[in-house]
């Protein structure tokens, strides 16, 4: 009788292990699916954000470029002033 109980116990243990393994595989498949979905969504959001940032940078560059073209004389005077100031600061240490 003890041998039958032992076989019964081993059989139920085997079935439980097989069942647990199947459930574990299902859980892993579900988690992997969720991770894959999250990565796809992140990739989409990243592309969307890249487009937005790119458009904003183009818009701002056009603004800067337009201001530079509209005020070219003032930009040249400013660059000359900065050059003179840097030259003065660098040159006064030589004497």
Protein backbone atom coordinates (compact mmCIF):
# COMPACT_ATOMS: atom_id res chain seq x y z
CA UNK A 1 0.00 0.00 0.00
CA UNK A 2 2.85 2.39 0.76
CA UNK A 3 4.30 1.81 -2.70
CA UNK A 4 0.96 2.80 -4.29
CA UNK A 5 0.80 5.95 -2.19
CA UNK A 6 4.37 6.76 -3.13
CA UNK A 7 3.64 6.25 -6.86
CA UNK A 8 0.53 8.36 -6.52
CA UNK A 9 2.50 11.11 -4.79
CA UNK A 10 5.29 11.02 -7.41
CA UNK A 11 2.72 11.06 -10.22
CA UNK A 12 0.89 14.06 -8.79
CA UNK A 13 4.23 15.79 -8.19
CA UNK A 14 5.19 15.16 -11.81
CA UNK A 15 1.85 16.52 -13.06
CA UNK A 16 2.19 19.57 -10.83
CA UNK A 17 5.70 20.22 -12.10
CA UNK A 18 4.60 19.90 -15.73
CA UNK A 19 1.62 22.18 -15.04
CA UNK A 20 3.83 24.73 -13.27
CA UNK A 21 6.29 24.64 -16.16
CA UNK A 22 3.47 25.29 -18.62
CA UNK A 23 2.17 28.18 -16.55
CA UNK A 24 5.66 29.60 -16.25
CA UNK A 25 6.11 29.47 -20.04
CA UNK A 26 2.76 31.20 -20.48
CA UNK A 27 3.74 33.90 -17.99
CA UNK A 28 7.08 34.42 -19.71
CA UNK A 29 5.33 34.69 -23.07
CA UNK A 30 2.91 37.30 -21.67
CA UNK A 31 5.74 39.35 -20.13
CA UNK A 32 7.78 39.12 -23.34
CA UNK A 33 4.75 40.31 -25.31
CA UNK A 34 4.28 43.28 -22.99
CA UNK A 35 7.96 44.18 -23.24
CA UNK A 36 7.80 43.96 -27.02
CA UNK A 37 4.71 46.20 -27.08
CA UNK A 38 6.43 48.71 -24.78
CA UNK A 39 9.51 48.79 -26.99
CA UNK A 40 7.40 49.36 -30.10
CA UNK A 41 5.55 52.19 -28.38
CA UNK A 42 8.83 53.72 -27.18
CA UNK A 43 10.23 53.52 -30.71
CA UNK A 44 7.13 55.27 -32.08
CA UNK A 45 7.26 57.94 -29.37
CA UNK A 46 10.98 58.44 -29.99
CA UNK A 47 10.42 58.99 -33.69
CA UNK A 48 7.56 61.38 -32.94
CA UNK A 49 9.71 63.32 -30.46
CA UNK A 50 12.60 63.43 -32.95
CA UNK A 51 10.33 64.96 -35.59
CA UNK A 52 9.02 67.56 -33.12
CA UNK A 53 12.51 68.54 -31.96
CA UNK A 54 13.78 68.68 -35.53
CA UNK A 55 10.90 70.93 -36.60
CA UNK A 56 11.47 73.21 -33.60
CA UNK A 57 15.20 73.47 -34.32
CA UNK A 58 14.53 74.33 -37.97
CA UNK A 59 12.02 76.98 -36.90
CA UNK A 60 14.46 78.53 -34.43
CA UNK A 61 17.34 78.43 -36.90
CA UNK A 62 15.22 80.25 -39.46
CA UNK A 63 14.44 82.92 -36.87
CA UNK A 64 18.14 83.38 -36.05
CA UNK A 65 19.09 83.37 -39.73
CA UNK A 66 16.40 85.93 -40.55
CA UNK A 67 17.55 88.19 -37.70
CA UNK A 68 21.14 87.91 -38.89
CA UNK A 69 20.21 88.77 -42.47
CA UNK A 70 17.98 91.66 -41.42
CA UNK A 71 20.67 93.12 -39.17
CA UNK A 72 23.84 92.17 -41.03
CA UNK A 73 25.53 95.50 -40.40
CA UNK A 74 24.90 95.31 -36.65
CA UNK A 75 26.10 91.70 -36.58
CA UNK A 76 29.33 92.71 -38.31
CA UNK A 77 29.86 95.59 -35.87
CA UNK A 78 29.22 93.24 -32.94
CA UNK A 79 31.71 90.70 -34.27
CA UNK A 80 34.27 93.48 -34.79
CA UNK A 81 33.71 94.69 -31.22
CA UNK A 82 34.17 91.22 -29.80
CA UNK A 83 37.33 90.76 -31.88
CA UNK A 84 38.79 94.06 -30.69
CA UNK A 85 37.98 93.23 -27.06
CA UNK A 86 39.53 89.76 -27.28
CA UNK A 87 42.60 91.17 -29.06
CA UNK A 88 43.02 93.82 -26.38
CA UNK A 89 42.69 91.31 -23.53
CA UNK A 90 45.14 88.89 -25.12
CA UNK A 91 47.60 91.59 -26.14
CA UNK A 92 47.93 93.44 -22.86
CA UNK A 93 49.63 90.49 -21.13
CA UNK A 94 52.64 90.64 -23.51
CA UNK A 95 54.02 93.98 -22.32
